[in-house]
PDB file of N, CA and C in Angstrom:
ATOM      1  N   UNK A   1     -24.571  30.977 -63.686  1.00  0.00           N
ATOM      2  CA  UNK A   1     -23.567  31.928 -64.125  1.00  0.00           C
ATOM      3  C   UNK A   1     -22.184  31.429 -63.735  1.00  0.00           C
ATOM      4  N   UNK A   2     -21.264  31.464 -64.657  1.00  0.00           N
ATOM      5  CA  UNK A   2     -19.906  31.032 -64.372  1.00  0.00           C
ATOM      6  C   UNK A   2     -19.117  32.167 -63.746  1.00  0.00           C
ATOM      7  N   UNK A   3     -18.295  31.799 -62.799  1.00  0.00           N
ATOM      8  CA  UNK A   3     -17.457  32.782 -62.124  1.00  0.00           C
ATOM      9  C   UNK A   3     -16.028  32.283 -62.118  1.00  0.00           C
ATOM     10  N   UNK A   4     -15.091  33.172 -61.776  1.00  0.00           N
ATOM     11  CA  UNK A   4     -13.706  32.758 -61.634  1.00  0.00           C
ATOM     12  C   UNK A   4     -13.619  31.680 -60.576  1.00  0.00           C
ATOM     13  N   UNK A   5     -12.803  30.682 -60.838  1.00  0.00           N
ATOM     14  CA  UNK A   5     -12.646  29.601 -59.883  1.00  0.00           C
ATOM     15  C   UNK A   5     -13.595  28.437 -60.120  1.00  0.00           C
ATOM     16  N   UNK A   6     -14.459  28.544 -61.125  1.00  0.00           N
ATOM     17  CA  UNK A   6     -15.368  27.447 -61.452  1.00  0.00           C
ATOM     18  C   UNK A   6     -14.542  26.270 -61.959  1.00  0.00           C
ATOM     19  N   UNK A   7     -14.816  25.047 -61.468  1.00  0.00           N
ATOM     20  CA  UNK A   7     -14.056  23.884 -61.928  1.00  0.00           C
ATOM     21  C   UNK A   7     -14.177  23.688 -63.447  1.00  0.00           C
ATOM     22  N   UNK A   8     -13.093  23.205 -64.050  1.00  0.00           N
ATOM     23  CA  UNK A   8     -13.050  23.026 -65.500  1.00  0.00           C
ATOM     24  C   UNK A   8     -14.168  22.103 -65.979  1.00  0.00           C
ATOM     25  N   UNK A   9     -14.444  21.034 -65.237  1.00  0.00           N
ATOM     26  CA  UNK A   9     -15.510  20.105 -65.649  1.00  0.00           C
ATOM     27  C   UNK A   9     -16.874  20.809 -65.687  1.00  0.00           C
ATOM     28  N   UNK A  10     -17.114  21.695 -64.728  1.00  0.00           N
ATOM     29  CA  UNK A  10     -18.382  22.430 -64.705  1.00  0.00           C
ATOM     30  C   UNK A  10     -18.478  23.373 -65.905  1.00  0.00           C
ATOM     31  N   UNK A  11     -17.361  23.988 -66.254  1.00  0.00           N
ATOM     32  CA  UNK A  11     -17.335  24.882 -67.419  1.00  0.00           C
ATOM     33  C   UNK A  11     -17.606  24.074 -68.690  1.00  0.00           C
ATOM     34  N   UNK A  12     -16.938  22.926 -68.812  1.00  0.00           N
ATOM     35  CA  UNK A  12     -17.125  22.073 -69.991  1.00  0.00           C
ATOM     36  C   UNK A  12     -18.574  21.608 -70.098  1.00  0.00           C
ATOM     37  N   UNK A  13     -19.159  21.226 -68.975  1.00  0.00           N
ATOM     38  CA  UNK A  13     -20.552  20.783 -68.960  1.00  0.00           C
ATOM     39  C   UNK A  13     -21.479  21.928 -69.382  1.00  0.00           C
ATOM     40  N   UNK A  14     -21.198  23.137 -68.882  1.00  0.00           N
ATOM     41  CA  UNK A  14     -22.022  24.307 -69.190  1.00  0.00           C
ATOM     42  C   UNK A  14     -22.037  24.585 -70.695  1.00  0.00           C
ATOM     43  N   UNK A  15     -20.870  24.476 -71.334  1.00  0.00           N
ATOM     44  CA  UNK A  15     -20.768  24.786 -72.757  1.00  0.00           C
ATOM     45  C   UNK A  15     -20.927  23.559 -73.649  1.00  0.00           C
ATOM     46  N   UNK A  16     -21.160  22.400 -73.021  1.00  0.00           N
ATOM     47  CA  UNK A  16     -21.328  21.147 -73.759  1.00  0.00           C
ATOM     48  C   UNK A  16     -20.130  20.863 -74.663  1.00  0.00           C
ATOM     49  N   UNK A  17     -18.939  21.037 -74.094  1.00  0.00           N
ATOM     50  CA  UNK A  17     -17.697  20.725 -74.805  1.00  0.00           C
ATOM     51  C   UNK A  17     -16.847  19.846 -73.906  1.00  0.00           C
ATOM     52  N   UNK A  18     -15.780  19.318 -74.460  1.00  0.00           N
ATOM     53  CA  UNK A  18     -14.878  18.483 -73.682  1.00  0.00           C
ATOM     54  C   UNK A  18     -13.958  19.308 -72.800  1.00  0.00           C
ATOM     55  N   UNK A  19     -13.454  18.652 -71.762  1.00  0.00           N
ATOM     56  CA  UNK A  19     -12.515  19.309 -70.850  1.00  0.00           C
ATOM     57  C   UNK A  19     -11.271  19.751 -71.618  1.00  0.00           C
ATOM     58  N   UNK A  20     -10.845  18.960 -72.609  1.00  0.00           N
ATOM     59  CA  UNK A  20      -9.660  19.310 -73.399  1.00  0.00           C
ATOM     60  C   UNK A  20      -9.849  20.639 -74.124  1.00  0.00           C
ATOM     61  N   UNK A  21     -11.057  20.922 -74.574  1.00  0.00           N
ATOM     62  CA  UNK A  21     -11.334  22.198 -75.245  1.00  0.00           C
ATOM     63  C   UNK A  21     -11.125  23.359 -74.289  1.00  0.00           C
ATOM     64  N   UNK A  22     -11.631  23.223 -73.067  1.00  0.00           N
ATOM     65  CA  UNK A  22     -11.461  24.278 -72.063  1.00  0.00           C
ATOM     66  C   UNK A  22      -9.989  24.428 -71.712  1.00  0.00           C
ATOM     67  N   UNK A  23      -9.275  23.308 -71.552  1.00  0.00           N
ATOM     68  CA  UNK A  23      -7.846  23.368 -71.247  1.00  0.00           C
ATOM     69  C   UNK A  23      -7.085  24.084 -72.352  1.00  0.00           C
ATOM     70  N   UNK A  24      -7.454  23.818 -73.600  1.00  0.00           N
ATOM     71  CA  UNK A  24      -6.801  24.467 -74.729  1.00  0.00           C
ATOM     72  C   UNK A  24      -7.033  25.971 -74.680  1.00  0.00           C
ATOM     73  N   UNK A  25      -8.246  26.375 -74.371  1.00  0.00           N
ATOM     74  CA  UNK A  25      -8.560  27.802 -74.271  1.00  0.00           C
ATOM     75  C   UNK A  25      -7.733  28.440 -73.163  1.00  0.00           C
ATOM     76  N   UNK A  26      -7.638  27.754 -72.030  1.00  0.00           N
ATOM     77  CA  UNK A  26      -6.872  28.297 -70.908  1.00  0.00           C
ATOM     78  C   UNK A  26      -5.399  28.438 -71.261  1.00  0.00           C
ATOM     79  N   UNK A  27      -4.858  27.503 -72.049  1.00  0.00           N
ATOM     80  CA  UNK A  27      -3.440  27.540 -72.394  1.00  0.00           C
ATOM     81  C   UNK A  27      -3.111  28.559 -73.473  1.00  0.00           C
ATOM     82  N   UNK A  28      -4.085  28.927 -74.270  1.00  0.00           N
ATOM     83  CA  UNK A  28      -3.846  29.898 -75.337  1.00  0.00           C
ATOM     84  C   UNK A  28      -3.504  31.264 -74.750  1.00  0.00           C
ATOM     85  N   UNK A  29      -4.188  31.642 -73.686  1.00  0.00           N
ATOM     86  CA  UNK A  29      -4.011  32.970 -73.110  1.00  0.00           C
ATOM     87  C   UNK A  29      -4.147  32.904 -71.599  1.00  0.00           C
ATOM     88  N   UNK A  30      -3.477  33.814 -70.927  1.00  0.00           N
ATOM     89  CA  UNK A  30      -3.596  33.885 -69.467  1.00  0.00           C
ATOM     90  C   UNK A  30      -4.924  34.510 -69.066  1.00  0.00           C
ATOM     91  N   UNK A  31      -5.568  35.162 -70.002  1.00  0.00           N
ATOM     92  CA  UNK A  31      -6.824  35.851 -69.707  1.00  0.00           C
ATOM     93  C   UNK A  31      -7.997  34.894 -69.901  1.00  0.00           C
ATOM     94  N   UNK A  32      -8.215  34.016 -68.939  1.00  0.00           N
ATOM     95  CA  UNK A  32      -9.255  32.998 -69.042  1.00  0.00           C
ATOM     96  C   UNK A  32     -10.635  33.628 -69.103  1.00  0.00           C
ATOM     97  N   UNK A  33     -10.871  34.666 -68.324  1.00  0.00           N
ATOM     98  CA  UNK A  33     -12.208  35.260 -68.302  1.00  0.00           C
ATOM     99  C   UNK A  33     -12.583  35.820 -69.673  1.00  0.00           C
ATOM    100  N   UNK A  34     -11.621  36.388 -70.387  1.00  0.00           N
ATOM    101  CA  UNK A  34     -11.904  36.912 -71.729  1.00  0.00           C
ATOM    102  C   UNK A  34     -12.234  35.762 -72.673  1.00  0.00           C
ATOM    103  N   UNK A  35     -11.468  34.680 -72.585  1.00  0.00           N
ATOM    104  CA  UNK A  35     -11.732  33.527 -73.443  1.00  0.00           C
ATOM    105  C   UNK A  35     -13.100  32.928 -73.147  1.00  0.00           C
ATOM    106  N   UNK A  36     -13.463  32.874 -71.874  1.00  0.00           N
ATOM    107  CA  UNK A  36     -14.774  32.341 -71.520  1.00  0.00           C
ATOM    108  C   UNK A  36     -15.884  33.239 -72.039  1.00  0.00           C
ATOM    109  N   UNK A  37     -15.659  34.553 -72.021  1.00  0.00           N
ATOM    110  CA  UNK A  37     -16.690  35.451 -72.540  1.00  0.00           C
ATOM    111  C   UNK A  37     -16.829  35.285 -74.048  1.00  0.00           C
ATOM    112  N   UNK A  38     -15.724  35.028 -74.743  1.00  0.00           N
ATOM    113  CA  UNK A  38     -15.780  34.775 -76.186  1.00  0.00           C
ATOM    114  C   UNK A  38     -16.542  33.487 -76.450  1.00  0.00           C
ATOM    115  N   UNK A  39     -16.269  32.444 -75.649  1.00  0.00           N
ATOM    116  CA  UNK A  39     -16.964  31.172 -75.801  1.00  0.00           C
ATOM    117  C   UNK A  39     -18.453  31.343 -75.519  1.00  0.00           C
ATOM    118  N   UNK A  40     -18.776  32.131 -74.497  1.00  0.00           N
ATOM    119  CA  UNK A  40     -20.178  32.408 -74.178  1.00  0.00           C
ATOM    120  C   UNK A  40     -20.852  33.121 -75.346  1.00  0.00           C
ATOM    121  N   UNK A  41     -20.178  34.123 -75.889  1.00  0.00           N
ATOM    122  CA  UNK A  41     -20.743  34.888 -77.001  1.00  0.00           C
ATOM    123  C   UNK A  41     -20.972  33.991 -78.210  1.00  0.00           C
ATOM    124  N   UNK A  42     -20.028  33.100 -78.507  1.00  0.00           N
ATOM    125  CA  UNK A  42     -20.195  32.240 -79.676  1.00  0.00           C
ATOM    126  C   UNK A  42     -21.314  31.238 -79.444  1.00  0.00           C
ATOM    127  N   UNK A  43     -21.477  30.781 -78.203  1.00  0.00           N
ATOM    128  CA  UNK A  43     -22.576  29.864 -77.884  1.00  0.00           C
ATOM    129  C   UNK A  43     -23.913  30.584 -78.059  1.00  0.00           C
ATOM    130  N   UNK A  44     -24.000  31.819 -77.544  1.00  0.00           N
ATOM    131  CA  UNK A  44     -25.231  32.591 -77.671  1.00  0.00           C
ATOM    132  C   UNK A  44     -25.513  32.923 -79.132  1.00  0.00           C
ATOM    133  N   UNK A  45     -24.471  33.208 -79.899  1.00  0.00           N
ATOM    134  CA  UNK A  45     -24.644  33.502 -81.319  1.00  0.00           C
ATOM    135  C   UNK A  45     -25.210  32.281 -82.038  1.00  0.00           C
ATOM    136  N   UNK A  46     -24.739  31.097 -81.678  1.00  0.00           N
ATOM    137  CA  UNK A  46     -25.278  29.872 -82.265  1.00  0.00           C
ATOM    138  C   UNK A  46     -26.753  29.723 -81.971  1.00  0.00           C
ATOM    139  N   UNK A  47     -27.156  30.050 -80.745  1.00  0.00           N
ATOM    140  CA  UNK A  47     -28.567  29.971 -80.382  1.00  0.00           C
ATOM    141  C   UNK A  47     -29.375  31.002 -81.155  1.00  0.00           C
ATOM    142  N   UNK A  48     -28.838  32.198 -81.309  1.00  0.00           N
ATOM    143  CA  UNK A  48     -29.522  33.249 -82.064  1.00  0.00           C
ATOM    144  C   UNK A  48     -29.683  32.815 -83.516  1.00  0.00           C
ATOM    145  N   UNK A  49     -28.623  32.242 -84.104  1.00  0.00           N
ATOM    146  CA  UNK A  49     -28.704  31.781 -85.494  1.00  0.00           C
ATOM    147  C   UNK A  49     -29.758  30.695 -85.655  1.00  0.00           C
ATOM    148  N   UNK A  50     -29.830  29.771 -84.693  1.00  0.00           N
ATOM    149  CA  UNK A  50     -30.808  28.683 -84.751  1.00  0.00           C
ATOM    150  C   UNK A  50     -32.229  29.250 -84.667  1.00  0.00           C
ATOM    151  N   UNK A  51     -32.435  30.198 -83.741  1.00  0.00           N
ATOM    152  CA  UNK A  51     -33.753  30.826 -83.592  1.00  0.00           C
ATOM    153  C   UNK A  51     -34.117  31.579 -84.870  1.00  0.00           C
ATOM    154  N   UNK A  52     -33.142  32.278 -85.455  1.00  0.00           N
ATOM    155  CA  UNK A  52     -33.374  33.023 -86.692  1.00  0.00           C
ATOM    156  C   UNK A  52     -33.791  32.076 -87.817  1.00  0.00           C
ATOM    157  N   UNK A  53     -33.114  30.935 -87.931  1.00  0.00           N
ATOM    158  CA  UNK A  53     -33.452  29.976 -88.988  1.00  0.00           C
ATOM    159  C   UNK A  53     -34.869  29.453 -88.808  1.00  0.00           C
ATOM    160  N   UNK A  54     -35.260  29.188 -87.567  1.00  0.00           N
ATOM    161  CA  UNK A  54     -36.619  28.719 -87.296  1.00  0.00           C
ATOM    162  C   UNK A  54     -37.627  29.795 -87.688  1.00  0.00           C
ATOM    163  N   UNK A  55     -37.331  31.046 -87.324  1.00  0.00           N
ATOM    164  CA  UNK A  55     -38.246  32.151 -87.623  1.00  0.00           C
ATOM    165  C   UNK A  55     -38.374  32.366 -89.127  1.00  0.00           C
ATOM    166  N   UNK A  56     -37.261  32.275 -89.834  1.00  0.00           N
ATOM    167  CA  UNK A  56     -37.279  32.504 -91.277  1.00  0.00           C
ATOM    168  C   UNK A  56     -38.025  31.386 -91.991  1.00  0.00           C
ATOM    169  N   UNK A  57     -37.798  30.151 -91.564  1.00  0.00           N
ATOM    170  CA  UNK A  57     -38.451  29.022 -92.234  1.00  0.00           C
ATOM    171  C   UNK A  57     -39.918  28.905 -91.837  1.00  0.00           C
ATOM    172  N   UNK A  58     -40.278  29.483 -90.686  1.00  0.00           N
ATOM    173  CA  UNK A  58     -41.660  29.418 -90.233  1.00  0.00           C
ATOM    174  C   UNK A  58     -42.044  28.068 -89.676  1.00  0.00           C
ATOM    175  N   UNK A  59     -41.055  27.235 -89.433  1.00  0.00           N
ATOM    176  CA  UNK A  59     -41.340  25.891 -88.946  1.00  0.00           C
ATOM    177  C   UNK A  59     -40.283  25.471 -87.943  1.00  0.00           C
ATOM    178  N   UNK A  60     -40.693  24.667 -86.969  1.00  0.00           N
ATOM    179  CA  UNK A  60     -39.746  24.128 -86.009  1.00  0.00           C
ATOM    180  C   UNK A  60     -39.256  22.752 -86.454  1.00  0.00           C
ATOM    181  N   UNK A  61     -39.833  22.243 -87.540  1.00  0.00           N
ATOM    182  CA  UNK A  61     -39.453  20.923 -88.035  1.00  0.00           C
ATOM    183  C   UNK A  61     -38.153  21.024 -88.826  1.00  0.00           C
ATOM    184  N   UNK A  62     -37.275  20.022 -88.690  1.00  0.00           N
ATOM    185  CA  UNK A  62     -36.059  20.041 -89.504  1.00  0.00           C
ATOM    186  C   UNK A  62     -36.414  19.836 -90.969  1.00  0.00           C
ATOM    187  N   UNK A  63     -35.636  20.431 -91.840  1.00  0.00           N
ATOM    188  CA  UNK A  63     -35.902  20.249 -93.267  1.00  0.00           C
ATOM    189  C   UNK A  63     -35.157  19.002 -93.724  1.00  0.00           C
ATOM    190  N   UNK A  64     -35.900  17.949 -93.936  1.00  0.00           N
ATOM    191  CA  UNK A  64     -35.310  16.681 -94.361  1.00  0.00           C
ATOM    192  C   UNK A  64     -35.187  16.681 -95.873  1.00  0.00           C
ATOM    193  N   UNK A  65     -34.146  16.020 -96.398  1.00  0.00           N
ATOM    194  CA  UNK A  65     -34.036  15.943 -97.858  1.00  0.00           C
ATOM    195  C   UNK A  65     -35.199  15.132 -98.423  1.00  0.00           C
ATOM    196  N   UNK A  66     -35.707  15.559 -99.526  1.00  0.00           N
ATOM    197  CA  UNK A  66     -36.826  14.843-100.141  1.00  0.00           C
ATOM    198  C   UNK A  66     -36.304  13.603-100.852  1.00  0.00           C
ATOM    199  N   UNK A  67     -37.046  12.535-100.707  1.00  0.00           N
ATOM    200  CA  UNK A  67     -36.668  11.293-101.366  1.00  0.00           C
ATOM    201  C   UNK A  67     -37.301  11.237-102.744  1.00  0.00           C
ATOM    202  N   UNK A  68     -36.523  10.820-103.696  1.00  0.00           N
ATOM    203  CA  UNK A  68     -37.034  10.691-105.055  1.00  0.00           C
ATOM    204  C   UNK A  68     -37.675   9.321-105.219  1.00  0.00           C
ATOM    205  N   UNK A  69     -38.786   9.276-105.926  1.00  0.00           N
ATOM    206  CA  UNK A  69     -39.451   7.991-106.154  1.00  0.00           C
ATOM    207  C   UNK A  69     -38.944   7.320-107.426  1.00  0.00           C
ATOM    208  N   UNK A  70     -38.030   7.955-108.139  1.00  0.00           N
ATOM    209  CA  UNK A  70     -37.534   7.400-109.403  1.00  0.00           C
ATOM    210  C   UNK A  70     -36.786   6.086-109.225  1.00  0.00           C
ATOM    211  N   UNK A  71     -35.968   6.008-108.200  1.00  0.00           N
ATOM    212  CA  UNK A  71     -35.126   4.828-108.029  1.00  0.00           C
ATOM    213  C   UNK A  71     -35.843   3.657-107.393  1.00  0.00           C
ATOM    214  N   UNK A  72     -37.132   3.805-107.059  1.00  0.00           N
ATOM    215  CA  UNK A  72     -37.846   2.731-106.364  1.00  0.00           C
ATOM    216  C   UNK A  72     -38.532   1.788-107.288  1.00  0.00           C
TER     217      UNK A  72
END
């Protein structure tokens, strides 16, 4: 769990983003905790969307484009 005072590198590692991204968020607003909660929510939303896509497709395998045999 991230708390106030967490080093920027640790935050970047947690969200799998660059330090520059975190610095940009910090510079946009003085309310860092709100920005971090927004980033957390968007990260969780991405995970929810990924899980939803897996559930809808019924498969954990990526859908690869089908290759046409015409050009061979």
